[in-house]
Amino acid sequence: MKRSARITLTVVAAAALAACSRQRQDPCQAAYFNEQACQDAVRDHGYYWHGSWIPMLYHYPYPYYYDAYRTHVSRGGSVSAAPAGAYGHSGASAPSVERGGFGSTGAGHSAGE
């Protein structure tokens, strides 16, 4: 492969990655803040973006992100709203974790069955 072709492919790949990362908007970032979507994202450890699940680890509780948003706005920062339905998903709920417990299985064992 020619050197110029390798450079062109590298530049195109880098541009594509940059474009993809710019399109997604974290609902807890001050510049894209969405109250309900951020609350859900912090609780569920991620959010949906146009139907795709984006796992995220939020290090702080929701009020931290809300305060950052309010500070951003009070300093004259703008907020770009995501398109309607951007944080929605196609009928599926956020990934959930099933934990063992004493449901019907435990009840059967405790009764000596």
N, C-alpha and C. Protein backbone atom coordinates (compact mmCIF):
# COMPACT_ATOMS: atom_id res chain seq x y z
N MET A 1 0.85 -1.17 0.00
CA MET A 1 0.00 0.00 0.00
C MET A 1 0.89 1.23 0.00
N LYS A 2 0.54 2.20 -0.79
CA LYS A 2 1.31 3.43 -0.84
C LYS A 2 1.18 4.20 0.46
N ARG A 3 2.18 4.99 0.74
CA ARG A 3 2.18 5.80 1.97
C ARG A 3 1.01 6.79 1.97
N SER A 4 0.72 7.42 0.86
CA SER A 4 -0.36 8.40 0.81
C SER A 4 -1.72 7.74 1.06
N ALA A 5 -1.87 6.51 0.61
CA ALA A 5 -3.13 5.79 0.84
C ALA A 5 -3.29 5.46 2.32
N ARG A 6 -2.18 5.09 2.98
CA ARG A 6 -2.25 4.80 4.42
C ARG A 6 -2.60 6.05 5.21
N ILE A 7 -2.03 7.15 4.86
CA ILE A 7 -2.31 8.41 5.56
C ILE A 7 -3.77 8.80 5.35
N THR A 8 -4.26 8.67 4.12
CA THR A 8 -5.65 9.00 3.83
C THR A 8 -6.59 8.12 4.64
N LEU A 9 -6.33 6.82 4.69
CA LEU A 9 -7.18 5.92 5.47
C LEU A 9 -7.14 6.28 6.95
N THR A 10 -5.99 6.62 7.47
CA THR A 10 -5.86 6.99 8.88
C THR A 10 -6.66 8.25 9.17
N VAL A 11 -6.56 9.24 8.29
CA VAL A 11 -7.29 10.49 8.49
C VAL A 11 -8.79 10.25 8.40
N VAL A 12 -9.23 9.46 7.44
CA VAL A 12 -10.66 9.16 7.29
C VAL A 12 -11.18 8.41 8.51
N ALA A 13 -10.44 7.42 8.99
CA ALA A 13 -10.86 6.66 10.17
C ALA A 13 -10.93 7.56 11.40
N ALA A 14 -9.97 8.43 11.58
CA ALA A 14 -9.98 9.35 12.72
C ALA A 14 -11.15 10.31 12.64
N ALA A 15 -11.44 10.81 11.45
CA ALA A 15 -12.57 11.72 11.28
C ALA A 15 -13.89 11.01 11.56
N ALA A 16 -14.01 9.77 11.12
CA ALA A 16 -15.24 9.00 11.36
C ALA A 16 -15.45 8.76 12.85
N LEU A 17 -14.39 8.40 13.56
CA LEU A 17 -14.50 8.20 15.00
C LEU A 17 -14.88 9.49 15.71
N ALA A 18 -14.29 10.59 15.31
CA ALA A 18 -14.61 11.87 15.92
C ALA A 18 -16.06 12.25 15.66
N ALA A 19 -16.54 12.01 14.46
CA ALA A 19 -17.93 12.33 14.13
C ALA A 19 -18.89 11.49 14.95
N CYS A 20 -18.58 10.21 15.14
CA CYS A 20 -19.46 9.34 15.92
C CYS A 20 -19.52 9.80 17.37
N SER A 21 -18.39 10.15 17.94
CA SER A 21 -18.39 10.56 19.34
C SER A 21 -19.09 11.89 19.54
N ARG A 22 -19.09 12.76 18.52
CA ARG A 22 -19.77 14.05 18.65
C ARG A 22 -21.28 13.90 18.57
N GLN A 23 -21.74 12.88 17.88
CA GLN A 23 -23.17 12.73 17.70
C GLN A 23 -23.89 12.32 18.98
N ARG A 24 -23.26 11.51 19.79
CA ARG A 24 -23.90 11.02 21.01
C ARG A 24 -23.82 12.10 22.08
N GLN A 25 -24.93 12.30 22.79
CA GLN A 25 -24.99 13.34 23.81
C GLN A 25 -25.35 12.73 25.16
N ASP A 26 -24.41 12.73 26.08
CA ASP A 26 -24.65 12.23 27.44
C ASP A 26 -25.65 13.16 28.12
N PRO A 27 -26.78 12.64 28.57
CA PRO A 27 -27.81 13.52 29.15
C PRO A 27 -27.40 14.18 30.46
N CYS A 28 -26.29 13.76 31.04
CA CYS A 28 -25.82 14.37 32.29
C CYS A 28 -24.74 15.42 32.06
N GLN A 29 -24.25 15.57 30.84
CA GLN A 29 -23.31 16.63 30.54
C GLN A 29 -24.05 17.95 30.55
N ALA A 30 -23.44 18.97 31.15
CA ALA A 30 -24.10 20.27 31.30
C ALA A 30 -24.57 20.84 29.96
N ALA A 31 -23.81 20.67 28.92
CA ALA A 31 -24.15 21.25 27.62
C ALA A 31 -25.31 20.53 26.92
N TYR A 32 -25.64 19.32 27.37
CA TYR A 32 -26.73 18.55 26.77
C TYR A 32 -27.75 18.11 27.81
N PHE A 33 -27.73 18.68 28.96
CA PHE A 33 -28.48 18.19 30.11
C PHE A 33 -29.96 17.94 29.80
N ASN A 34 -30.43 16.76 30.21
CA ASN A 34 -31.84 16.38 30.10
C ASN A 34 -32.21 15.78 31.45
N GLU A 35 -33.06 16.47 32.20
CA GLU A 35 -33.33 16.10 33.58
C GLU A 35 -33.77 14.64 33.76
N GLN A 36 -34.82 14.24 33.07
CA GLN A 36 -35.33 12.88 33.24
C GLN A 36 -34.34 11.84 32.75
N ALA A 37 -33.75 12.08 31.58
CA ALA A 37 -32.79 11.12 31.03
C ALA A 37 -31.56 10.99 31.93
N CYS A 38 -31.13 12.09 32.55
CA CYS A 38 -29.97 12.04 33.45
C CYS A 38 -30.32 11.25 34.72
N GLN A 39 -31.48 11.50 35.28
CA GLN A 39 -31.89 10.74 36.47
C GLN A 39 -31.90 9.24 36.16
N ASP A 40 -32.47 8.90 35.02
CA ASP A 40 -32.53 7.49 34.62
C ASP A 40 -31.13 6.92 34.39
N ALA A 41 -30.27 7.71 33.74
CA ALA A 41 -28.92 7.25 33.42
C ALA A 41 -28.10 6.98 34.68
N VAL A 42 -28.21 7.87 35.66
CA VAL A 42 -27.46 7.67 36.91
C VAL A 42 -27.98 6.43 37.62
N ARG A 43 -29.30 6.28 37.67
CA ARG A 43 -29.91 5.13 38.35
C ARG A 43 -29.60 3.81 37.64
N ASP A 44 -29.65 3.82 36.30
CA ASP A 44 -29.52 2.58 35.52
C ASP A 44 -28.09 2.32 35.03
N HIS A 45 -27.16 3.21 35.36
CA HIS A 45 -25.75 3.07 34.94
C HIS A 45 -25.59 3.08 33.43
N GLY A 46 -26.33 3.97 32.78
CA GLY A 46 -26.23 4.12 31.34
C GLY A 46 -27.52 4.72 30.80
N TYR A 47 -27.53 4.92 29.51
CA TYR A 47 -28.70 5.52 28.88
C TYR A 47 -28.86 4.98 27.46
N TYR A 48 -30.05 5.15 26.92
CA TYR A 48 -30.29 4.80 25.53
C TYR A 48 -30.04 6.02 24.67
N TRP A 49 -29.41 5.82 23.53
CA TRP A 49 -29.21 6.88 22.55
C TRP A 49 -29.69 6.34 21.22
N HIS A 50 -30.83 6.84 20.78
CA HIS A 50 -31.48 6.39 19.54
C HIS A 50 -31.62 4.87 19.51
N GLY A 51 -32.06 4.30 20.63
CA GLY A 51 -32.34 2.88 20.71
C GLY A 51 -31.18 1.99 21.10
N SER A 52 -29.97 2.54 21.16
CA SER A 52 -28.80 1.74 21.55
C SER A 52 -28.43 2.03 22.99
N TRP A 53 -28.17 0.99 23.75
CA TRP A 53 -27.80 1.13 25.16
C TRP A 53 -26.34 1.58 25.25
N ILE A 54 -26.10 2.66 25.99
CA ILE A 54 -24.75 3.18 26.20
C ILE A 54 -24.45 3.02 27.70
N PRO A 55 -23.64 2.04 28.07
CA PRO A 55 -23.33 1.87 29.49
C PRO A 55 -22.41 3.00 29.98
N MET A 56 -22.70 3.52 31.14
CA MET A 56 -21.90 4.60 31.73
C MET A 56 -21.80 4.37 33.23
N LEU A 57 -20.67 4.72 33.77
CA LEU A 57 -20.51 4.67 35.22
C LEU A 57 -20.46 6.11 35.71
N TYR A 58 -21.50 6.54 36.37
CA TYR A 58 -21.56 7.89 36.93
C TYR A 58 -21.02 7.83 38.35
N HIS A 59 -20.02 8.64 38.61
CA HIS A 59 -19.33 8.59 39.90
C HIS A 59 -20.05 9.37 41.00
N TYR A 60 -21.03 10.16 40.63
CA TYR A 60 -21.72 11.01 41.61
C TYR A 60 -23.22 10.79 41.51
N PRO A 61 -23.95 11.15 42.56
CA PRO A 61 -25.42 11.06 42.50
C PRO A 61 -25.98 12.16 41.59
N TYR A 62 -27.22 11.98 41.19
CA TYR A 62 -27.88 12.90 40.26
C TYR A 62 -27.72 14.38 40.63
N PRO A 63 -27.91 14.79 41.89
CA PRO A 63 -27.82 16.23 42.21
C PRO A 63 -26.50 16.88 41.77
N TYR A 64 -25.43 16.14 41.75
CA TYR A 64 -24.15 16.68 41.30
C TYR A 64 -24.24 17.15 39.84
N TYR A 65 -24.85 16.35 38.98
CA TYR A 65 -24.95 16.67 37.56
C TYR A 65 -25.95 17.81 37.33
N TYR A 66 -27.00 17.83 38.13
CA TYR A 66 -27.97 18.93 38.05
C TYR A 66 -27.30 20.24 38.44
N ASP A 67 -26.53 20.24 39.52
CA ASP A 67 -25.82 21.44 39.96
C ASP A 67 -24.81 21.91 38.91
N ALA A 68 -24.12 20.97 38.28
CA ALA A 68 -23.16 21.32 37.23
C ALA A 68 -23.88 21.99 36.05
N TYR A 69 -25.05 21.47 35.72
CA TYR A 69 -25.86 22.06 34.65
C TYR A 69 -26.29 23.47 35.03
N ARG A 70 -26.79 23.65 36.26
CA ARG A 70 -27.24 24.98 36.70
C ARG A 70 -26.08 25.97 36.70
N THR A 71 -24.91 25.55 37.12
CA THR A 71 -23.73 26.41 37.11
C THR A 71 -23.36 26.79 35.68
N HIS A 72 -23.41 25.81 34.80
CA HIS A 72 -23.11 26.03 33.38
C HIS A 72 -24.03 27.11 32.80
N VAL A 73 -25.32 27.00 33.07
CA VAL A 73 -26.31 27.95 32.55
C VAL A 73 -26.12 29.32 33.19
N SER A 74 -25.86 29.35 34.50
CA SER A 74 -25.70 30.64 35.19
C SER A 74 -24.49 31.41 34.70
N ARG A 75 -23.52 30.71 34.14
CA ARG A 75 -22.31 31.35 33.60
C ARG A 75 -22.47 31.68 32.11
N GLY A 76 -23.69 31.55 31.61
CA GLY A 76 -23.95 31.90 30.23
C GLY A 76 -23.79 30.76 29.24
N GLY A 77 -23.56 29.56 29.73
CA GLY A 77 -23.41 28.42 28.84
C GLY A 77 -24.72 28.04 28.18
N SER A 78 -24.64 27.53 26.99
CA SER A 78 -25.86 27.12 26.29
C SER A 78 -26.08 25.62 26.46
N VAL A 79 -27.31 25.23 26.27
CA VAL A 79 -27.68 23.82 26.37
C VAL A 79 -28.32 23.43 25.05
N SER A 80 -27.76 22.42 24.40
CA SER A 80 -28.29 21.92 23.13
C SER A 80 -29.17 20.72 23.42
N ALA A 81 -30.45 20.89 23.23
CA ALA A 81 -31.37 19.79 23.49
C ALA A 81 -31.19 18.69 22.45
N ALA A 82 -31.25 17.47 22.91
CA ALA A 82 -31.19 16.32 22.00
C ALA A 82 -32.49 16.26 21.22
N PRO A 83 -32.47 15.68 20.04
CA PRO A 83 -33.70 15.53 19.27
C PRO A 83 -34.75 14.74 20.06
N ALA A 84 -36.01 15.02 19.81
CA ALA A 84 -37.09 14.32 20.51
C ALA A 84 -36.93 12.82 20.33
N GLY A 85 -37.04 12.09 21.42
CA GLY A 85 -36.95 10.64 21.38
C GLY A 85 -35.53 10.08 21.35
N ALA A 86 -34.52 10.94 21.40
CA ALA A 86 -33.13 10.48 21.31
C ALA A 86 -32.77 9.54 22.46
N TYR A 87 -33.32 9.79 23.64
CA TYR A 87 -32.99 8.95 24.80
C TYR A 87 -33.97 7.81 24.98
N GLY A 88 -34.84 7.61 24.02
CA GLY A 88 -35.80 6.53 24.10
C GLY A 88 -35.22 5.21 23.62
N HIS A 89 -35.95 4.18 23.85
CA HIS A 89 -35.54 2.87 23.38
C HIS A 89 -36.74 2.16 22.81
N SER A 90 -36.51 1.11 22.09
CA SER A 90 -37.59 0.43 21.37
C SER A 90 -38.29 -0.62 22.21
N GLY A 91 -38.98 -0.19 23.23
CA GLY A 91 -39.79 -1.10 24.02
C GLY A 91 -39.05 -1.92 25.04
N ALA A 92 -37.75 -1.97 24.95
CA ALA A 92 -36.98 -2.75 25.93
C ALA A 92 -36.67 -1.87 27.13
N SER A 93 -36.56 -2.48 28.26
CA SER A 93 -36.19 -1.69 29.43
C SER A 93 -34.69 -1.72 29.59
N ALA A 94 -34.19 -0.85 30.45
CA ALA A 94 -32.75 -0.81 30.70
C ALA A 94 -32.30 -2.17 31.23
N PRO A 95 -31.07 -2.53 30.94
CA PRO A 95 -30.60 -3.82 31.45
C PRO A 95 -30.80 -3.90 32.96
N SER A 96 -31.31 -5.01 33.41
CA SER A 96 -31.54 -5.16 34.83
C SER A 96 -30.71 -6.31 35.37
N VAL A 97 -30.50 -6.28 36.63
CA VAL A 97 -29.72 -7.33 37.28
C VAL A 97 -30.67 -8.13 38.13
N GLU A 98 -30.73 -9.43 37.90
CA GLU A 98 -31.57 -10.27 38.74
C GLU A 98 -30.71 -10.80 39.86
N ARG A 99 -31.19 -10.64 41.06
CA ARG A 99 -30.46 -11.11 42.21
C ARG A 99 -31.20 -12.29 42.82
N GLY A 100 -30.45 -13.24 43.35
CA GLY A 100 -31.07 -14.38 44.00
C GLY A 100 -31.80 -13.94 45.25
N GLY A 101 -32.75 -14.69 45.66
CA GLY A 101 -33.50 -14.32 46.85
C GLY A 101 -34.28 -15.51 47.35
N PHE A 102 -35.28 -15.21 48.12
CA PHE A 102 -36.06 -16.27 48.73
C PHE A 102 -37.38 -16.49 48.04
N GLY A 103 -37.51 -16.05 46.78
CA GLY A 103 -38.76 -16.20 46.06
C GLY A 103 -39.31 -17.61 46.13
N SER A 104 -39.92 -18.10 45.09
CA SER A 104 -40.55 -19.42 45.11
C SER A 104 -39.51 -20.52 45.32
N THR A 105 -38.29 -20.34 44.82
CA THR A 105 -37.26 -21.36 45.00
C THR A 105 -36.92 -21.49 46.47
N GLY A 106 -36.68 -20.36 47.10
CA GLY A 106 -36.33 -20.37 48.53
C GLY A 106 -37.47 -20.91 49.38
N ALA A 107 -38.70 -20.56 49.01
CA ALA A 107 -39.85 -21.02 49.79
C ALA A 107 -39.96 -22.53 49.73
N GLY A 108 -39.70 -23.09 48.56
CA GLY A 108 -39.77 -24.54 48.43
C GLY A 108 -38.71 -25.25 49.27
N HIS A 109 -37.51 -24.69 49.28
CA HIS A 109 -36.43 -25.29 50.06
C HIS A 109 -36.66 -25.16 51.55
N SER A 110 -37.21 -24.02 51.95
CA SER A 110 -37.40 -23.81 53.40
C SER A 110 -38.49 -24.70 53.95
N ALA A 111 -39.41 -25.14 53.08
CA ALA A 111 -40.51 -25.99 53.53
C ALA A 111 -40.13 -27.46 53.48
N GLY A 112 -38.86 -27.71 53.18
CA GLY A 112 -38.38 -29.09 53.16
C GLY A 112 -38.75 -29.83 51.87
N GLU A 113 -39.05 -29.12 50.84
CA GLU A 113 -39.42 -29.76 49.57
C GLU A 113 -38.23 -30.00 48.71
